[in-house]
PDB file of N, CA and C in Angstrom:
ATOM      1  N   MET A   1       4.605 -27.040-103.447  1.00  0.00           N
ATOM      2  CA  MET A   1       6.208 -26.982-102.733  1.00  0.00           C
ATOM      3  C   MET A   1       6.633 -28.298-102.513  1.00  0.00           C
ATOM      4  N   PHE A   2       6.033 -29.169-101.475  1.00  0.00           N
ATOM      5  CA  PHE A   2       6.939 -30.437-101.113  1.00  0.00           C
ATOM      6  C   PHE A   2       7.284 -30.942-101.833  1.00  0.00           C
ATOM      7  N   ALA A   3       6.640 -31.315-102.863  1.00  0.00           N
ATOM      8  CA  ALA A   3       6.900 -32.370-104.075  1.00  0.00           C
ATOM      9  C   ALA A   3       8.488 -31.890-104.394  1.00  0.00           C
ATOM     10  N   LYS A   4       8.368 -30.695-104.721  1.00  0.00           N
ATOM     11  CA  LYS A   4       9.650 -29.889-105.249  1.00  0.00           C
ATOM     12  C   LYS A   4      10.812 -30.532-104.201  1.00  0.00           C
ATOM     13  N   PHE A   5      10.478 -30.116-102.880  1.00  0.00           N
ATOM     14  CA  PHE A   5      11.744 -29.869-101.639  1.00  0.00           C
ATOM     15  C   PHE A   5      11.732 -31.746-101.700  1.00  0.00           C
ATOM     16  N   ALA A   6      11.187 -32.356-101.533  1.00  0.00           N
ATOM     17  CA  ALA A   6      11.419 -34.055-101.847  1.00  0.00           C
ATOM     18  C   ALA A   6      12.283 -34.347-102.986  1.00  0.00           C
ATOM     19  N   LYS A   7      11.464 -34.056-104.174  1.00  0.00           N
ATOM     20  CA  LYS A   7      12.496 -34.142-105.185  1.00  0.00           C
ATOM     21  C   LYS A   7      14.044 -33.863-104.875  1.00  0.00           C
ATOM     22  N   THR A   8      14.207 -32.615-104.715  1.00  0.00           N
ATOM     23  CA  THR A   8      15.960 -32.318-104.435  1.00  0.00           C
ATOM     24  C   THR A   8      16.288 -32.579-103.269  1.00  0.00           C
ATOM     25  N   LEU A   9      15.789 -32.939-102.331  1.00  0.00           N
ATOM     26  CA  LEU A   9      16.531 -34.282-101.631  1.00  0.00           C
ATOM     27  C   LEU A   9      16.814 -35.171-101.710  1.00  0.00           C
ATOM     28  N   ASN A  10      16.067 -35.943-102.541  1.00  0.00           N
ATOM     29  CA  ASN A  10      16.064 -37.108-102.857  1.00  0.00           C
ATOM     30  C   ASN A  10      17.001 -37.255-103.986  1.00  0.00           C
ATOM     31  N   GLU A  11      17.354 -35.750-105.201  1.00  0.00           N
ATOM     32  CA  GLU A  11      18.775 -35.985-105.715  1.00  0.00           C
ATOM     33  C   GLU A  11      19.758 -35.964-104.904  1.00  0.00           C
ATOM     34  N   PHE A  12      19.937 -35.216-104.025  1.00  0.00           N
ATOM     35  CA  PHE A  12      20.772 -35.053-102.628  1.00  0.00           C
ATOM     36  C   PHE A  12      21.490 -35.924-102.288  1.00  0.00           C
ATOM     37  N   PHE A  13      20.399 -37.033-102.348  1.00  0.00           N
ATOM     38  CA  PHE A  13      20.921 -38.581-101.254  1.00  0.00           C
ATOM     39  C   PHE A  13      21.353 -39.518-102.010  1.00  0.00           C
ATOM     40  N   PHE A  14      20.582 -39.507-103.485  1.00  0.00           N
ATOM     41  CA  PHE A  14      20.917 -40.693-104.266  1.00  0.00           C
ATOM     42  C   PHE A  14      21.664 -39.985-105.742  1.00  0.00           C
ATOM     43  N   THR A  15      22.680 -40.466-105.520  1.00  0.00           N
ATOM     44  CA  THR A  15      23.503 -40.391-106.675  1.00  0.00           C
ATOM     45  C   THR A  15      23.173 -41.196-108.431  1.00  0.00           C
ATOM     46  N   THR A  16      23.149 -40.778-108.878  1.00  0.00           N
ATOM     47  CA  THR A  16      23.084 -41.754-110.243  1.00  0.00           C
ATOM     48  C   THR A  16      23.142 -43.131-110.513  1.00  0.00           C
ATOM     49  N   GLU A  17      24.322 -43.409-109.648  1.00  0.00           N
ATOM     50  CA  GLU A  17      24.702 -44.645-109.957  1.00  0.00           C
ATOM     51  C   GLU A  17      23.961 -45.377-109.137  1.00  0.00           C
ATOM     52  N   ASP A  18      23.480 -44.774-107.918  1.00  0.00           N
ATOM     53  CA  ASP A  18      22.379 -45.205-106.948  1.00  0.00           C
ATOM     54  C   ASP A  18      20.732 -45.683-107.452  1.00  0.00           C
ATOM     55  N   GLN A  19      20.577 -44.605-108.555  1.00  0.00           N
ATOM     56  CA  GLN A  19      19.805 -44.828-109.098  1.00  0.00           C
ATOM     57  C   GLN A  19      19.517 -45.761-110.222  1.00  0.00           C
ATOM     58  N   GLU A  20      20.231 -45.892-111.157  1.00  0.00           N
ATOM     59  CA  GLU A  20      20.718 -46.988-112.109  1.00  0.00           C
ATOM     60  C   GLU A  20      20.178 -48.457-110.720  1.00  0.00           C
ATOM     61  N   ARG A  21      21.074 -48.903-109.794  1.00  0.00           N
ATOM     62  CA  ARG A  21      20.799 -49.882-109.170  1.00  0.00           C
ATOM     63  C   ARG A  21      19.709 -49.825-108.557  1.00  0.00           C
ATOM     64  N   GLU A  22      19.233 -49.015-108.265  1.00  0.00           N
ATOM     65  CA  GLU A  22      17.768 -49.311-107.854  1.00  0.00           C
ATOM     66  C   GLU A  22      16.602 -49.338-109.000  1.00  0.00           C
ATOM     67  N   SER A  23      16.803 -48.762-109.931  1.00  0.00           N
ATOM     68  CA  SER A  23      16.251 -49.056-111.585  1.00  0.00           C
ATOM     69  C   SER A  23      16.199 -50.605-111.818  1.00  0.00           C
ATOM     70  N   TYR A  24      17.605 -50.801-111.669  1.00  0.00           N
ATOM     71  CA  TYR A  24      17.968 -52.609-112.450  1.00  0.00           C
ATOM     72  C   TYR A  24      17.581 -53.300-111.297  1.00  0.00           C
ATOM     73  N   LEU A  25      17.484 -53.303-110.148  1.00  0.00           N
ATOM     74  CA  LEU A  25      16.763 -54.112-109.478  1.00  0.00           C
ATOM     75  C   LEU A  25      15.684 -54.004-109.269  1.00  0.00           C
ATOM     76  N   GLY A  26      14.516 -53.225-109.548  1.00  0.00           N
ATOM     77  CA  GLY A  26      13.251 -53.024-109.150  1.00  0.00           C
ATOM     78  C   GLY A  26      12.537 -53.271-110.582  1.00  0.00           C
ATOM     79  N   LYS A  27      13.241 -54.007-111.324  1.00  0.00           N
ATOM     80  CA  LYS A  27      12.709 -54.470-112.869  1.00  0.00           C
ATOM     81  C   LYS A  27      12.681 -55.879-112.636  1.00  0.00           C
ATOM     82  N   SER A  28      13.045 -56.441-111.443  1.00  0.00           N
ATOM     83  CA  SER A  28      13.301 -57.971-111.574  1.00  0.00           C
ATOM     84  C   SER A  28      11.991 -58.656-111.299  1.00  0.00           C
ATOM     85  N   VAL A  29      11.711 -59.836-111.731  1.00  0.00           N
ATOM     86  CA  VAL A  29      10.078 -60.565-111.296  1.00  0.00           C
ATOM     87  C   VAL A  29      10.043 -61.471-110.740  1.00  0.00           C
ATOM     88  N   ASP A  30      10.570 -61.664-110.171  1.00  0.00           N
ATOM     89  CA  ASP A  30      10.673 -62.021-108.589  1.00  0.00           C
ATOM     90  C   ASP A  30      11.376 -62.266-107.735  1.00  0.00           C
ATOM     91  N   PHE A  31      11.638 -62.981-106.733  1.00  0.00           N
ATOM     92  CA  PHE A  31      12.904 -63.057-105.537  1.00  0.00           C
ATOM     93  C   PHE A  31      13.780 -63.550-106.195  1.00  0.00           C
ATOM     94  N   VAL A  32      13.626 -64.911-106.909  1.00  0.00           N
ATOM     95  CA  VAL A  32      15.014 -65.476-107.485  1.00  0.00           C
ATOM     96  C   VAL A  32      15.742 -64.571-108.412  1.00  0.00           C
ATOM     97  N   ASP A  33      15.079 -63.741-109.336  1.00  0.00           N
ATOM     98  CA  ASP A  33      15.473 -62.898-110.511  1.00  0.00           C
ATOM     99  C   ASP A  33      16.376 -61.967-109.855  1.00  0.00           C
ATOM    100  N   LEU A  34      15.682 -61.297-108.415  1.00  0.00           N
ATOM    101  CA  LEU A  34      16.307 -60.054-107.556  1.00  0.00           C
ATOM    102  C   LEU A  34      17.535 -60.772-107.258  1.00  0.00           C
ATOM    103  N   GLU A  35      17.567 -61.953-106.732  1.00  0.00           N
ATOM    104  CA  GLU A  35      19.059 -62.403-106.244  1.00  0.00           C
ATOM    105  C   GLU A  35      20.157 -62.338-107.248  1.00  0.00           C
ATOM    106  N   HIS A  36      19.439 -62.609-108.423  1.00  0.00           N
ATOM    107  CA  HIS A  36      20.496 -63.059-109.498  1.00  0.00           C
ATOM    108  C   HIS A  36      21.158 -61.329-109.858  1.00  0.00           C
ATOM    109  N   ARG A  37      20.129 -60.924-109.595  1.00  0.00           N
ATOM    110  CA  ARG A  37      20.284 -59.477-109.925  1.00  0.00           C
ATOM    111  C   ARG A  37      21.331 -58.628-109.235  1.00  0.00           C
ATOM    112  N   ILE A  38      21.259 -59.216-107.825  1.00  0.00           N
ATOM    113  CA  ILE A  38      22.049 -58.838-107.248  1.00  0.00           C
ATOM    114  C   ILE A  38      23.360 -59.408-106.755  1.00  0.00           C
ATOM    115  N   HIS A  39      23.238 -60.449-107.238  1.00  0.00           N
ATOM    116  CA  HIS A  39      24.833 -61.280-107.267  1.00  0.00           C
ATOM    117  C   HIS A  39      25.191 -60.535-108.565  1.00  0.00           C
ATOM    118  N   ALA A  40      24.988 -60.310-109.421  1.00  0.00           N
ATOM    119  CA  ALA A  40      25.664 -59.793-111.122  1.00  0.00           C
ATOM    120  C   ALA A  40      25.971 -58.216-110.721  1.00  0.00           C
ATOM    121  N   PHE A  41      24.917 -57.558-110.194  1.00  0.00           N
ATOM    122  CA  PHE A  41      25.636 -56.471-109.510  1.00  0.00           C
ATOM    123  C   PHE A  41      26.563 -56.127-108.504  1.00  0.00           C
ATOM    124  N   GLU A  42      26.955 -57.122-107.983  1.00  0.00           N
ATOM    125  CA  GLU A  42      28.253 -57.226-106.640  1.00  0.00           C
ATOM    126  C   GLU A  42      28.995 -57.887-107.277  1.00  0.00           C
ATOM    127  N   MET A  43      29.416 -58.622-108.420  1.00  0.00           N
ATOM    128  CA  MET A  43      30.153 -59.054-109.286  1.00  0.00           C
ATOM    129  C   MET A  43      31.340 -58.369-109.897  1.00  0.00           C
ATOM    130  N   ASN A  44      30.307 -57.298-110.761  1.00  0.00           N
ATOM    131  CA  ASN A  44      30.961 -56.679-111.846  1.00  0.00           C
ATOM    132  C   ASN A  44      30.006 -55.067-111.996  1.00  0.00           C
ATOM    133  N   HIS A  45      28.960 -55.225-111.527  1.00  0.00           N
ATOM    134  CA  HIS A  45      28.040 -53.662-111.625  1.00  0.00           C
ATOM    135  C   HIS A  45      27.625 -54.003-112.830  1.00  0.00           C
ATOM    136  N   GLN A  46      27.425 -55.144-113.744  1.00  0.00           N
ATOM    137  CA  GLN A  46      26.403 -54.804-114.747  1.00  0.00           C
ATOM    138  C   GLN A  46      25.556 -56.406-114.939  1.00  0.00           C
ATOM    139  N   PRO A  47      24.441 -56.370-115.602  1.00  0.00           N
ATOM    140  CA  PRO A  47      23.927 -57.265-115.562  1.00  0.00           C
ATOM    141  C   PRO A  47      24.673 -58.426-116.971  1.00  0.00           C
ATOM    142  N   ILE A  48      24.211 -59.628-116.027  1.00  0.00           N
ATOM    143  CA  ILE A  48      24.670 -60.969-116.978  1.00  0.00           C
ATOM    144  C   ILE A  48      24.129 -61.399-117.576  1.00  0.00           C
ATOM    145  N   THR A  49      24.451 -61.700-119.111  1.00  0.00           N
ATOM    146  CA  THR A  49      23.466 -61.901-120.146  1.00  0.00           C
ATOM    147  C   THR A  49      24.108 -63.425-120.260  1.00  0.00           C
ATOM    148  N   LEU A  50      22.813 -64.130-120.322  1.00  0.00           N
ATOM    149  CA  LEU A  50      23.253 -65.771-120.057  1.00  0.00           C
ATOM    150  C   LEU A  50      22.808 -66.097-121.505  1.00  0.00           C
ATOM    151  N   TYR A  51      23.467 -66.902-122.348  1.00  0.00           N
ATOM    152  CA  TYR A  51      23.176 -67.323-123.382  1.00  0.00           C
ATOM    153  C   TYR A  51      23.245 -69.321-123.681  1.00  0.00           C
ATOM    154  N   SER A  52      22.096 -69.479-124.315  1.00  0.00           N
ATOM    155  CA  SER A  52      22.067 -71.037-124.526  1.00  0.00           C
ATOM    156  C   SER A  52      21.568 -71.338-125.662  1.00  0.00           C
ATOM    157  N   ASP A  53      22.069 -72.273-126.096  1.00  0.00           N
ATOM    158  CA  ASP A  53      21.667 -73.026-127.465  1.00  0.00           C
ATOM    159  C   ASP A  53      20.720 -73.627-127.896  1.00  0.00           C
ATOM    160  N   GLY A  54      19.780 -74.031-126.598  1.00  0.00           N
ATOM    161  CA  GLY A  54      18.616 -74.766-126.186  1.00  0.00           C
ATOM    162  C   GLY A  54      18.732 -75.881-126.363  1.00  0.00           C
ATOM    163  N   ALA A  55      20.209 -76.829-126.489  1.00  0.00           N
ATOM    164  CA  ALA A  55      20.457 -77.879-126.590  1.00  0.00           C
ATOM    165  C   ALA A  55      19.934 -78.756-125.299  1.00  0.00           C
ATOM    166  N   PRO A  56      19.518 -79.972-124.869  1.00  0.00           N
ATOM    167  CA  PRO A  56      19.508 -80.279-123.980  1.00  0.00           C
ATOM    168  C   PRO A  56      20.649 -80.984-123.207  1.00  0.00           C
ATOM    169  N   ARG A  57      20.251 -80.928-121.658  1.00  0.00           N
ATOM    170  CA  ARG A  57      22.080 -81.047-121.301  1.00  0.00           C
ATOM    171  C   ARG A  57      21.942 -82.487-120.469  1.00  0.00           C
ATOM    172  N   ASN A  58      22.881 -83.507-120.501  1.00  0.00           N
ATOM    173  CA  ASN A  58      22.379 -84.673-119.680  1.00  0.00           C
ATOM    174  C   ASN A  58      23.887 -84.529-118.599  1.00  0.00           C
TER     175      ASN A  58
END
């Protein structure tokens, strides 16, 4: 009974967007990744995909 109440209360306070943000940030593997994800979310609310050709840069 308490679990159902807690779930209902959680759904009341957190919207789908909040849940998506928390899920996205929760998937970070370390602190640096978390900072990048926070920055990406603040900039455009979508993850940034970095592309690299693998060529060394001088």
